[in-house]
Amino acid sequence: EWGLNVSNEQLVRPSSDFVISVYNACLEQVTSISPNVLHKPTQRALAS
C-alpha cells in the first residue's frame, strides 16, 4: 500500500539492506524523515 513490493523470501530471510530500506520507509511515512532529508545535517556534521 505504501509502494514497497517485498517478497516472501525477503521476509523469511531478511538482509541488512532490506530491513534498512523498509524501516526507513516506515519512518518516512510518519515523520517524513528520509536519507535525503538527513543529507544536509550529515554534511554540516562532517564540515564541523
ModelCIF file with pLDDT and N, C-alpha, C, O atoms, coordinates in Angstrom:
data_MODEL
#
_entry.id   MODEL 
#
_entity.id                         1 
_entity.type                       polymer 
_entity.pdbx_number_of_molecules   1 
#
_entity_poly.entity_id                      1 
_entity_poly.type                           'polypeptide(L)' 
_entity_poly.nstd_linkage                   no 
_entity_poly.nstd_monomer                   no 
_entity_poly.pdbx_seq_one_letter_code       EWGLNVSNEQLVRPSSDFVISVYNACLEQVTSISPNVLHKPTQRALAS 
_entity_poly.pdbx_seq_one_letter_code_can   EWGLNVSNEQLVRPSSDFVISVYNACLEQVTSISPNVLHKPTQRALAS 
_entity_poly.pdbx_strand_id                 A 
#
loop_
_entity_poly_seq.entity_id 
_entity_poly_seq.num 
_entity_poly_seq.mon_id 
_entity_poly_seq.hetero 
1 1  GLU n 
1 2  TRP n 
1 3  GLY n 
1 4  LEU n 
1 5  ASN n 
1 6  VAL n 
1 7  SER n 
1 8  ASN n 
1 9  GLU n 
1 10 GLN n 
1 11 LEU n 
1 12 VAL n 
1 13 ARG n 
1 14 PRO n 
1 15 SER n 
1 16 SER n 
1 17 ASP n 
1 18 PHE n 
1 19 VAL n 
1 20 ILE n 
1 21 SER n 
1 22 VAL n 
1 23 TYR n 
1 24 ASN n 
1 25 ALA n 
1 26 CYS n 
1 27 LEU n 
1 28 GLU n 
1 29 GLN n 
1 30 VAL n 
1 31 THR n 
1 32 SER n 
1 33 ILE n 
1 34 SER n 
1 35 PRO n 
1 36 ASN n 
1 37 VAL n 
1 38 LEU n 
1 39 HIS n 
1 40 LYS n 
1 41 PRO n 
1 42 THR n 
1 43 GLN n 
1 44 ARG n 
1 45 ALA n 
1 46 LEU n 
1 47 ALA n 
1 48 SER n 
#
_struct_asym.id          A 
_struct_asym.entity_id   1 
#
loop_
_ma_qa_metric.id 
_ma_qa_metric.mode 
_ma_qa_metric.name 
_ma_qa_metric.software_group_id 
_ma_qa_metric.type 
1 global pLDDT . pLDDT 
2 local  pLDDT . pLDDT 
#
_ma_qa_metric_global.metric_id      1 
_ma_qa_metric_global.metric_value   81.96 
_ma_qa_metric_global.model_id       1 
_ma_qa_metric_global.ordinal_id     1 
#
loop_
_ma_qa_metric_local.label_asym_id 
_ma_qa_metric_local.label_comp_id 
_ma_qa_metric_local.label_seq_id 
_ma_qa_metric_local.metric_id 
_ma_qa_metric_local.metric_value 
_ma_qa_metric_local.model_id 
_ma_qa_metric_local.ordinal_id 
A GLU 1  2 82.00 1 1  
A TRP 2  2 80.00 1 2  
A GLY 3  2 81.00 1 3  
A LEU 4  2 81.00 1 4  
A ASN 5  2 83.00 1 5  
A VAL 6  2 83.00 1 6  
A SER 7  2 84.00 1 7  
A ASN 8  2 85.00 1 8  
A GLU 9  2 86.00 1 9  
A GLN 10 2 85.00 1 10 
A LEU 11 2 84.00 1 11 
A VAL 12 2 86.00 1 12 
A ARG 13 2 88.00 1 13 
A PRO 14 2 86.00 1 14 
A SER 15 2 88.00 1 15 
A SER 16 2 87.00 1 16 
A ASP 17 2 88.00 1 17 
A PHE 18 2 88.00 1 18 
A VAL 19 2 88.00 1 19 
A ILE 20 2 88.00 1 20 
A SER 21 2 88.00 1 21 
A VAL 22 2 87.00 1 22 
A TYR 23 2 86.00 1 23 
A ASN 24 2 87.00 1 24 
A ALA 25 2 86.00 1 25 
A CYS 26 2 85.00 1 26 
A LEU 27 2 84.00 1 27 
A GLU 28 2 83.00 1 28 
A GLN 29 2 80.00 1 29 
A VAL 30 2 80.00 1 30 
A THR 31 2 77.00 1 31 
A SER 32 2 76.00 1 32 
A ILE 33 2 79.00 1 33 
A SER 34 2 78.00 1 34 
A PRO 35 2 79.00 1 35 
A ASN 36 2 81.00 1 36 
A VAL 37 2 78.00 1 37 
A LEU 38 2 78.00 1 38 
A HIS 39 2 78.00 1 39 
A LYS 40 2 78.00 1 40 
A PRO 41 2 77.00 1 41 
A THR 42 2 78.00 1 42 
A GLN 43 2 78.00 1 43 
A ARG 44 2 78.00 1 44 
A ALA 45 2 75.00 1 45 
A LEU 46 2 74.00 1 46 
A ALA 47 2 74.00 1 47 
A SER 48 2 71.00 1 48 
#
loop_
_atom_site.group_PDB 
_atom_site.id 
_atom_site.type_symbol 
_atom_site.label_atom_id 
_atom_site.label_alt_id 
_atom_site.label_comp_id 
_atom_site.label_asym_id 
_atom_site.label_entity_id 
_atom_site.label_seq_id 
_atom_site.pdbx_PDB_ins_code 
_atom_site.Cartn_x 
_atom_site.Cartn_y 
_atom_site.Cartn_z 
_atom_site.occupancy 
_atom_site.B_iso_or_equiv 
_atom_site.pdbx_formal_charge 
_atom_site.auth_seq_id 
_atom_site.auth_comp_id 
_atom_site.auth_asym_id 
_atom_site.auth_atom_id 
_atom_site.pdbx_PDB_model_num 
ATOM 1   N N  . GLU A 1 1  ? 0.823  -1.214  0.000  1.00 82.00 ? 1  GLU A N  1 
ATOM 2   C CA . GLU A 1 1  ? 0.000  0.000   0.000  1.00 82.00 ? 1  GLU A CA 1 
ATOM 3   C C  . GLU A 1 1  ? 0.849  1.253   0.000  1.00 82.00 ? 1  GLU A C  1 
ATOM 4   O O  . GLU A 1 1  ? 0.396  2.303   -0.457 1.00 82.00 ? 1  GLU A O  1 
ATOM 5   N N  . TRP A 1 2  ? 2.080  1.168   0.507  1.00 80.00 ? 2  TRP A N  1 
ATOM 6   C CA . TRP A 1 2  ? 2.987  2.310   0.523  1.00 80.00 ? 2  TRP A CA 1 
ATOM 7   C C  . TRP A 1 2  ? 3.941  2.320   -0.666 1.00 80.00 ? 2  TRP A C  1 
ATOM 8   O O  . TRP A 1 2  ? 4.860  3.136   -0.730 1.00 80.00 ? 2  TRP A O  1 
ATOM 9   N N  . GLY A 1 3  ? 3.708  1.381   -1.633 1.00 81.00 ? 3  GLY A N  1 
ATOM 10  C CA . GLY A 1 3  ? 4.562  1.341   -2.810 1.00 81.00 ? 3  GLY A CA 1 
ATOM 11  C C  . GLY A 1 3  ? 5.815  0.517   -2.627 1.00 81.00 ? 3  GLY A C  1 
ATOM 12  O O  . GLY A 1 3  ? 6.753  0.641   -3.414 1.00 81.00 ? 3  GLY A O  1 
ATOM 13  N N  . LEU A 1 4  ? 5.856  -0.339  -1.585 1.00 81.00 ? 4  LEU A N  1 
ATOM 14  C CA . LEU A 1 4  ? 7.015  -1.198  -1.344 1.00 81.00 ? 4  LEU A CA 1 
ATOM 15  C C  . LEU A 1 4  ? 6.641  -2.633  -1.704 1.00 81.00 ? 4  LEU A C  1 
ATOM 16  O O  . LEU A 1 4  ? 5.803  -3.242  -1.040 1.00 81.00 ? 4  LEU A O  1 
ATOM 17  N N  . ASN A 1 5  ? 7.254  -3.170  -2.743 1.00 83.00 ? 5  ASN A N  1 
ATOM 18  C CA . ASN A 1 5  ? 6.998  -4.538  -3.174 1.00 83.00 ? 5  ASN A CA 1 
ATOM 19  C C  . ASN A 1 5  ? 8.060  -5.440  -2.547 1.00 83.00 ? 5  ASN A C  1 
ATOM 20  O O  . ASN A 1 5  ? 9.235  -5.380  -2.910 1.00 83.00 ? 5  ASN A O  1 
ATOM 21  N N  . VAL A 1 6  ? 7.634  -6.263  -1.613 1.00 83.00 ? 6  VAL A N  1 
ATOM 22  C CA . VAL A 1 6  ? 8.538  -7.189  -0.940 1.00 83.00 ? 6  VAL A CA 1 
ATOM 23  C C  . VAL A 1 6  ? 8.054  -8.608  -1.206 1.00 83.00 ? 6  VAL A C  1 
ATOM 24  O O  . VAL A 1 6  ? 6.875  -8.852  -1.460 1.00 83.00 ? 6  VAL A O  1 
ATOM 25  N N  . SER A 1 7  ? 8.983  -9.510  -1.142 1.00 84.00 ? 7  SER A N  1 
ATOM 26  C CA . SER A 1 7  ? 8.661  -10.914 -1.397 1.00 84.00 ? 7  SER A CA 1 
ATOM 27  C C  . SER A 1 7  ? 8.649  -11.698 -0.094 1.00 84.00 ? 7  SER A C  1 
ATOM 28  O O  . SER A 1 7  ? 9.123  -11.246 0.948  1.00 84.00 ? 7  SER A O  1 
ATOM 29  N N  . ASN A 1 8  ? 8.085  -12.891 -0.203 1.00 85.00 ? 8  ASN A N  1 
ATOM 30  C CA . ASN A 1 8  ? 8.043  -13.770 0.955  1.00 85.00 ? 8  ASN A CA 1 
ATOM 31  C C  . ASN A 1 8  ? 9.450  -14.180 1.370  1.00 85.00 ? 8  ASN A C  1 
ATOM 32  O O  . ASN A 1 8  ? 9.736  -14.314 2.560  1.00 85.00 ? 8  ASN A O  1 
ATOM 33  N N  . GLU A 1 9  ? 10.328 -14.378 0.388  1.00 86.00 ? 9  GLU A N  1 
ATOM 34  C CA . GLU A 1 9  ? 11.694 -14.773 0.676  1.00 86.00 ? 9  GLU A CA 1 
ATOM 35  C C  . GLU A 1 9  ? 12.431 -13.701 1.466  1.00 86.00 ? 9  GLU A C  1 
ATOM 36  O O  . GLU A 1 9  ? 13.213 -14.007 2.366  1.00 86.00 ? 9  GLU A O  1 
ATOM 37  N N  . GLN A 1 10 ? 12.171 -12.420 1.115  1.00 85.00 ? 10 GLN A N  1 
ATOM 38  C CA . GLN A 1 10 ? 12.831 -11.325 1.823  1.00 85.00 ? 10 GLN A CA 1 
ATOM 39  C C  . GLN A 1 10 ? 12.397 -11.239 3.285  1.00 85.00 ? 10 GLN A C  1 
ATOM 40  O O  . GLN A 1 10 ? 13.181 -10.852 4.151  1.00 85.00 ? 10 GLN A O  1 
ATOM 41  N N  . LEU A 1 11 ? 11.146 -11.602 3.551  1.00 84.00 ? 11 LEU A N  1 
ATOM 42  C CA . LEU A 1 11 ? 10.678 -11.578 4.943  1.00 84.00 ? 11 LEU A CA 1 
ATOM 43  C C  . LEU A 1 11 ? 11.113 -12.824 5.709  1.00 84.00 ? 11 LEU A C  1 
ATOM 44  O O  . LEU A 1 11 ? 11.326 -12.765 6.920  1.00 84.00 ? 11 LEU A O  1 
ATOM 45  N N  . VAL A 1 12 ? 11.247 -13.949 5.011  1.00 86.00 ? 12 VAL A N  1 
ATOM 46  C CA . VAL A 1 12 ? 11.679 -15.168 5.682  1.00 86.00 ? 12 VAL A CA 1 
ATOM 47  C C  . VAL A 1 12 ? 13.176 -15.108 5.981  1.00 86.00 ? 12 VAL A C  1 
ATOM 48  O O  . VAL A 1 12 ? 13.626 -15.523 7.049  1.00 86.00 ? 12 VAL A O  1 
ATOM 49  N N  . ARG A 1 13 ? 13.947 -14.578 5.007  1.00 88.00 ? 13 ARG A N  1 
ATOM 50  C CA . ARG A 1 13 ? 15.397 -14.418 5.201  1.00 88.00 ? 13 ARG A CA 1 
ATOM 51  C C  . ARG A 1 13 ? 15.766 -12.960 4.980  1.00 88.00 ? 13 ARG A C  1 
ATOM 52  O O  . ARG A 1 13 ? 16.292 -12.618 3.921  1.00 88.00 ? 13 ARG A O  1 
ATOM 53  N N  . PRO A 1 14 ? 15.506 -12.094 5.949  1.00 86.00 ? 14 PRO A N  1 
ATOM 54  C CA . PRO A 1 14 ? 15.762 -10.652 5.749  1.00 86.00 ? 14 PRO A CA 1 
ATOM 55  C C  . PRO A 1 14 ? 17.255 -10.348 5.749  1.00 86.00 ? 14 PRO A C  1 
ATOM 56  O O  . PRO A 1 14 ? 18.039 -10.941 6.490  1.00 86.00 ? 14 PRO A O  1 
ATOM 57  N N  . SER A 1 15 ? 17.617 -9.398  4.886  1.00 88.00 ? 15 SER A N  1 
ATOM 58  C CA . SER A 1 15 ? 19.001 -8.916  4.827  1.00 88.00 ? 15 SER A CA 1 
ATOM 59  C C  . SER A 1 15 ? 19.089 -7.527  5.452  1.00 88.00 ? 15 SER A C  1 
ATOM 60  O O  . SER A 1 15 ? 18.070 -6.896  5.729  1.00 88.00 ? 15 SER A O  1 
ATOM 61  N N  . SER A 1 16 ? 20.324 -7.055  5.672  1.00 87.00 ? 16 SER A N  1 
ATOM 62  C CA . SER A 1 16 ? 20.529 -5.752  6.302  1.00 87.00 ? 16 SER A CA 1 
ATOM 63  C C  . SER A 1 16 ? 20.005 -4.618  5.418  1.00 87.00 ? 16 SER A C  1 
ATOM 64  O O  . SER A 1 16 ? 19.333 -3.714  5.914  1.00 87.00 ? 16 SER A O  1 
ATOM 65  N N  . ASP A 1 17 ? 20.305 -4.656  4.111  1.00 88.00 ? 17 ASP A N  1 
ATOM 66  C CA . ASP A 1 17 ? 19.828 -3.597  3.209  1.00 88.00 ? 17 ASP A CA 1 
ATOM 67  C C  . ASP A 1 17 ? 18.307 -3.586  3.132  1.00 88.00 ? 17 ASP A C  1 
ATOM 68  O O  . ASP A 1 17 ? 17.687 -2.525  3.071  1.00 88.00 ? 17 ASP A O  1 
ATOM 69  N N  . PHE A 1 18 ? 17.710 -4.785  3.136  1.00 88.00 ? 18 PHE A N  1 
ATOM 70  C CA . PHE A 1 18 ? 16.257 -4.863  3.038  1.00 88.00 ? 18 PHE A CA 1 
ATOM 71  C C  . PHE A 1 18 ? 15.582 -4.234  4.259  1.00 88.00 ? 18 PHE A C  1 
ATOM 72  O O  . PHE A 1 18 ? 14.672 -3.418  4.106  1.00 88.00 ? 18 PHE A O  1 
ATOM 73  N N  . VAL A 1 19 ? 16.021 -4.606  5.477  1.00 88.00 ? 19 VAL A N  1 
ATOM 74  C CA . VAL A 1 19 ? 15.364 -4.076  6.675  1.00 88.00 ? 19 VAL A CA 1 
ATOM 75  C C  . VAL A 1 19 ? 15.617 -2.580  6.811  1.00 88.00 ? 19 VAL A C  1 
ATOM 76  O O  . VAL A 1 19 ? 14.750 -1.849  7.292  1.00 88.00 ? 19 VAL A O  1 
ATOM 77  N N  . ILE A 1 20 ? 16.802 -2.112  6.390  1.00 88.00 ? 20 ILE A N  1 
ATOM 78  C CA . ILE A 1 20 ? 17.068 -0.671  6.479  1.00 88.00 ? 20 ILE A CA 1 
ATOM 79  C C  . ILE A 1 20 ? 16.133 0.094   5.556  1.00 88.00 ? 20 ILE A C  1 
ATOM 80  O O  . ILE A 1 20 ? 15.578 1.120   5.950  1.00 88.00 ? 20 ILE A O  1 
ATOM 81  N N  . SER A 1 21 ? 15.950 -0.398  4.317  1.00 88.00 ? 21 SER A N  1 
ATOM 82  C CA . SER A 1 21 ? 15.061 0.297   3.377  1.00 88.00 ? 21 SER A CA 1 
ATOM 83  C C  . SER A 1 21 ? 13.616 0.283   3.864  1.00 88.00 ? 21 SER A C  1 
ATOM 84  O O  . SER A 1 21 ? 12.917 1.292   3.764  1.00 88.00 ? 21 SER A O  1 
ATOM 85  N N  . VAL A 1 22 ? 13.161 -0.863  4.395  1.00 87.00 ? 22 VAL A N  1 
ATOM 86  C CA . VAL A 1 22 ? 11.771 -0.944  4.870  1.00 87.00 ? 22 VAL A CA 1 
ATOM 87  C C  . VAL A 1 22 ? 11.567 -0.081  6.111  1.00 87.00 ? 22 VAL A C  1 
ATOM 88  O O  . VAL A 1 22 ? 10.561 0.621   6.217  1.00 87.00 ? 22 VAL A O  1 
ATOM 89  N N  . TYR A 1 23 ? 12.526 -0.124  7.067  1.00 86.00 ? 23 TYR A N  1 
ATOM 90  C CA . TYR A 1 23 ? 12.403 0.696   8.269  1.00 86.00 ? 23 TYR A CA 1 
ATOM 91  C C  . TYR A 1 23 ? 12.424 2.186   7.915  1.00 86.00 ? 23 TYR A C  1 
ATOM 92  O O  . TYR A 1 23 ? 11.686 2.975   8.506  1.00 86.00 ? 23 TYR A O  1 
ATOM 93  N N  . ASN A 1 24 ? 13.262 2.567   6.961  1.00 87.00 ? 24 ASN A N  1 
ATOM 94  C CA . ASN A 1 24 ? 13.295 3.974   6.530  1.00 87.00 ? 24 ASN A CA 1 
ATOM 95  C C  . ASN A 1 24 ? 11.972 4.391   5.916  1.00 87.00 ? 24 ASN A C  1 
ATOM 96  O O  . ASN A 1 24 ? 11.508 5.513   6.118  1.00 87.00 ? 24 ASN A O  1 
ATOM 97  N N  . ALA A 1 25 ? 11.357 3.468   5.153  1.00 86.00 ? 25 ALA A N  1 
ATOM 98  C CA . ALA A 1 25 ? 10.046 3.784   4.566  1.00 86.00 ? 25 ALA A CA 1 
ATOM 99  C C  . ALA A 1 25 ? 8.996  3.980   5.651  1.00 86.00 ? 25 ALA A C  1 
ATOM 100 O O  . ALA A 1 25 ? 8.184  4.901   5.565  1.00 86.00 ? 25 ALA A O  1 
ATOM 101 N N  . CYS A 1 26 ? 9.002  3.126   6.669  1.00 85.00 ? 26 CYS A N  1 
ATOM 102 C CA . CYS A 1 26 ? 8.056  3.295   7.783  1.00 85.00 ? 26 CYS A CA 1 
ATOM 103 C C  . CYS A 1 26 ? 8.301  4.612   8.509  1.00 85.00 ? 26 CYS A C  1 
ATOM 104 O O  . CYS A 1 26 ? 7.363  5.329   8.855  1.00 85.00 ? 26 CYS A O  1 
ATOM 105 N N  . LEU A 1 27 ? 9.583  4.921   8.735  1.00 84.00 ? 27 LEU A N  1 
ATOM 106 C CA . LEU A 1 27 ? 9.918  6.182   9.394  1.00 84.00 ? 27 LEU A CA 1 
ATOM 107 C C  . LEU A 1 27 ? 9.462  7.374   8.560  1.00 84.00 ? 27 LEU A C  1 
ATOM 108 O O  . LEU A 1 27 ? 8.971  8.367   9.099  1.00 84.00 ? 27 LEU A O  1 
ATOM 109 N N  . GLU A 1 28 ? 9.624  7.270   7.258  1.00 83.00 ? 28 GLU A N  1 
ATOM 110 C CA . GLU A 1 28 ? 9.224  8.387   6.380  1.00 83.00 ? 28 GLU A CA 1 
ATOM 111 C C  . GLU A 1 28 ? 7.721  8.544   6.345  1.00 83.00 ? 28 GLU A C  1 
ATOM 112 O O  . GLU A 1 28 ? 7.233  9.661   6.173  1.00 83.00 ? 28 GLU A O  1 
ATOM 113 N N  . GLN A 1 29 ? 6.954  7.452   6.504  1.00 80.00 ? 29 GLN A N  1 
ATOM 114 C CA . GLN A 1 29 ? 5.501  7.547   6.497  1.00 80.00 ? 29 GLN A CA 1 
ATOM 115 C C  . GLN A 1 29 ? 4.982  8.410   7.648  1.00 80.00 ? 29 GLN A C  1 
ATOM 116 O O  . GLN A 1 29 ? 3.982  9.114   7.499  1.00 80.00 ? 29 GLN A O  1 
ATOM 117 N N  . VAL A 1 30 ? 5.659  8.355   8.785  1.00 80.00 ? 30 VAL A N  1 
ATOM 118 C CA . VAL A 1 30 ? 5.171  9.075   9.978  1.00 80.00 ? 30 VAL A CA 1 
ATOM 119 C C  . VAL A 1 30 ? 5.850  10.424  10.150 1.00 80.00 ? 30 VAL A C  1 
ATOM 120 O O  . VAL A 1 30 ? 5.183  11.428  10.396 1.00 80.00 ? 30 VAL A O  1 
ATOM 121 N N  . THR A 1 31 ? 7.181  10.456  10.021 1.00 77.00 ? 31 THR A N  1 
ATOM 122 C CA . THR A 1 31 ? 7.937  11.677  10.334 1.00 77.00 ? 31 THR A CA 1 
ATOM 123 C C  . THR A 1 31 ? 8.462  12.416  9.117  1.00 77.00 ? 31 THR A C  1 
ATOM 124 O O  . THR A 1 31 ? 9.001  13.516  9.243  1.00 77.00 ? 31 THR A O  1 
ATOM 125 N N  . SER A 1 32 ? 8.305  11.798  7.888  1.00 76.00 ? 32 SER A N  1 
ATOM 126 C CA . SER A 1 32 ? 8.833  12.403  6.650  1.00 76.00 ? 32 SER A CA 1 
ATOM 127 C C  . SER A 1 32 ? 10.347 12.566  6.689  1.00 76.00 ? 32 SER A C  1 
ATOM 128 O O  . SER A 1 32 ? 10.902 13.388  5.960  1.00 76.00 ? 32 SER A O  1 
ATOM 129 N N  . ILE A 1 33 ? 11.015 11.791  7.530  1.00 79.00 ? 33 ILE A N  1 
ATOM 130 C CA . ILE A 1 33 ? 12.478 11.818  7.600  1.00 79.00 ? 33 ILE A CA 1 
ATOM 131 C C  . ILE A 1 33 ? 13.010 10.722  6.691  1.00 79.00 ? 33 ILE A C  1 
ATOM 132 O O  . ILE A 1 33 ? 12.704 9.544   6.880  1.00 79.00 ? 33 ILE A O  1 
ATOM 133 N N  . SER A 1 34 ? 13.802 11.112  5.712  1.00 78.00 ? 34 SER A N  1 
ATOM 134 C CA . SER A 1 34 ? 14.394 10.182  4.763  1.00 78.00 ? 34 SER A CA 1 
ATOM 135 C C  . SER A 1 34 ? 15.897 10.432  4.706  1.00 78.00 ? 34 SER A C  1 
ATOM 136 O O  . SER A 1 34 ? 16.374 11.442  5.222  1.00 78.00 ? 34 SER A O  1 
ATOM 137 N N  . PRO A 1 35 ? 16.657 9.513   4.077  1.00 79.00 ? 35 PRO A N  1 
ATOM 138 C CA . PRO A 1 35 ? 18.101 9.765   3.929  1.00 79.00 ? 35 PRO A CA 1 
ATOM 139 C C  . PRO A 1 35 ? 18.410 11.062  3.210  1.00 79.00 ? 35 PRO A C  1 
ATOM 140 O O  . PRO A 1 35 ? 19.422 11.701  3.497  1.00 79.00 ? 35 PRO A O  1 
ATOM 141 N N  . ASN A 1 36 ? 17.544 11.467  2.270  1.00 81.00 ? 36 ASN A N  1 
ATOM 142 C CA . ASN A 1 36 ? 17.776 12.742  1.578  1.00 81.00 ? 36 ASN A CA 1 
ATOM 143 C C  . ASN A 1 36 ? 17.616 13.921  2.528  1.00 81.00 ? 36 ASN A C  1 
ATOM 144 O O  . ASN A 1 36 ? 18.359 14.899  2.447  1.00 81.00 ? 36 ASN A O  1 
ATOM 145 N N  . VAL A 1 37 ? 16.634 13.822  3.437  1.00 78.00 ? 37 VAL A N  1 
ATOM 146 C CA . VAL A 1 37 ? 16.431 14.905  4.401  1.00 78.00 ? 37 VAL A CA 1 
ATOM 147 C C  . VAL A 1 37 ? 17.607 14.999  5.361  1.00 78.00 ? 37 VAL A C  1 
ATOM 148 O O  . VAL A 1 37 ? 17.990 16.090  5.783  1.00 78.00 ? 37 VAL A O  1 
ATOM 149 N N  . LEU A 1 38 ? 18.183 13.839  5.706  1.00 78.00 ? 38 LEU A N  1 
ATOM 150 C CA . LEU A 1 38 ? 19.297 13.829  6.658  1.00 78.00 ? 38 LEU A CA 1 
ATOM 151 C C  . LEU A 1 38 ? 20.646 14.104  5.998  1.00 78.00 ? 38 LEU A C  1 
ATOM 152 O O  . LEU A 1 38 ? 21.676 14.108  6.672  1.00 78.00 ? 38 LEU A O  1 
ATOM 153 N N  . HIS A 1 39 ? 20.644 14.334  4.678  1.00 78.00 ? 39 HIS A N  1 
ATOM 154 C CA . HIS A 1 39 ? 21.919 14.558  3.996  1.00 78.00 ? 39 HIS A CA 1 
ATOM 155 C C  . HIS A 1 39 ? 22.567 15.873  4.455  1.00 78.00 ? 39 HIS A C  1 
ATOM 156 O O  . HIS A 1 39 ? 23.764 15.915  4.740  1.00 78.00 ? 39 HIS A O  1 
ATOM 157 N N  . LYS A 1 40 ? 21.756 16.954  4.524  1.00 78.00 ? 40 LYS A N  1 
ATOM 158 C CA . LYS A 1 40 ? 22.304 18.254  4.929  1.00 78.00 ? 40 LYS A CA 1 
ATOM 159 C C  . LYS A 1 40 ? 22.838 18.240  6.356  1.00 78.00 ? 40 LYS A C  1 
ATOM 160 O O  . LYS A 1 40 ? 23.951 18.718  6.573  1.00 78.00 ? 40 LYS A O  1 
ATOM 161 N N  . PRO A 1 41 ? 22.095 17.709  7.360  1.00 77.00 ? 41 PRO A N  1 
ATOM 162 C CA . PRO A 1 41 ? 22.688 17.630  8.706  1.00 77.00 ? 41 PRO A CA 1 
ATOM 163 C C  . PRO A 1 41 ? 23.970 16.802  8.744  1.00 77.00 ? 41 PRO A C  1 
ATOM 164 O O  . PRO A 1 41 ? 24.893 17.116  9.495  1.00 77.00 ? 41 PRO A O  1 
ATOM 165 N N  . THR A 1 42 ? 24.026 15.753  7.937  1.00 78.00 ? 42 THR A N  1 
ATOM 166 C CA . THR A 1 42 ? 25.247 14.944  7.890  1.00 78.00 ? 42 THR A CA 1 
ATOM 167 C C  . THR A 1 42 ? 26.414 15.754  7.350  1.00 78.00 ? 42 THR A C  1 
ATOM 168 O O  . THR A 1 42 ? 27.523 15.694  7.881  1.00 78.00 ? 42 THR A O  1 
ATOM 169 N N  . GLN A 1 43 ? 26.152 16.521  6.279  1.00 78.00 ? 43 GLN A N  1 
ATOM 170 C CA . GLN A 1 43 ? 27.214 17.354  5.708  1.00 78.00 ? 43 GLN A CA 1 
ATOM 171 C C  . GLN A 1 43 ? 27.679 18.423  6.693  1.00 78.00 ? 43 GLN A C  1 
ATOM 172 O O  . GLN A 1 43 ? 28.869 18.726  6.772  1.00 78.00 ? 43 GLN A O  1 
ATOM 173 N N  . ARG A 1 44 ? 26.721 19.003  7.454  1.00 78.00 ? 44 ARG A N  1 
ATOM 174 C CA . ARG A 1 44 ? 27.101 20.006  8.461  1.00 78.00 ? 44 ARG A CA 1 
ATOM 175 C C  . ARG A 1 44 ? 27.953 19.367  9.552  1.00 78.00 ? 44 ARG A C  1 
ATOM 176 O O  . ARG A 1 44 ? 28.921 19.968  10.018 1.00 78.00 ? 44 ARG A O  1 
ATOM 177 N N  . ALA A 1 45 ? 27.593 18.141  9.963  1.00 75.00 ? 45 ALA A N  1 
ATOM 178 C CA . ALA A 1 45 ? 28.386 17.453  10.981 1.00 75.00 ? 45 ALA A CA 1 
ATOM 179 C C  . ALA A 1 45 ? 29.787 17.138  10.454 1.00 75.00 ? 45 ALA A C  1 
ATOM 180 O O  . ALA A 1 45 ? 30.772 17.253  11.183 1.00 75.00 ? 45 ALA A O  1 
ATOM 181 N N  . LEU A 1 46 ? 29.868 16.740  9.178  1.00 74.00 ? 46 LEU A N  1 
ATOM 182 C CA . LEU A 1 46 ? 31.181 16.471  8.600  1.00 74.00 ? 46 LEU A CA 1 
ATOM 183 C C  . LEU A 1 46 ? 32.001 17.743  8.474  1.00 74.00 ? 46 LEU A C  1 
ATOM 184 O O  . LEU A 1 46 ? 33.215 17.732  8.675  1.00 74.00 ? 46 LEU A O  1 
ATOM 185 N N  . ALA A 1 47 ? 31.329 18.847  8.140  1.00 74.00 ? 47 ALA A N  1 
ATOM 186 C CA . ALA A 1 47 ? 32.050 20.114  7.994  1.00 74.00 ? 47 ALA A CA 1 
ATOM 187 C C  . ALA A 1 47 ? 32.596 20.608  9.326  1.00 74.00 ? 47 ALA A C  1 
ATOM 188 O O  . ALA A 1 47 ? 33.605 21.312  9.363  1.00 74.00 ? 47 ALA A O  1 
ATOM 189 N N  . SER A 1 48 ? 31.923 20.236  10.438 1.00 71.00 ? 48 SER A N  1 
ATOM 190 C CA . SER A 1 48 ? 32.400 20.685  11.750 1.00 71.00 ? 48 SER A CA 1 
ATOM 191 C C  . SER A 1 48 ? 33.588 19.875  12.252 1.00 71.00 ? 48 SER A C  1 
ATOM 192 O O  . SER A 1 48 ? 34.098 20.137  13.341 1.00 71.00 ? 48 SER A O  1 
#
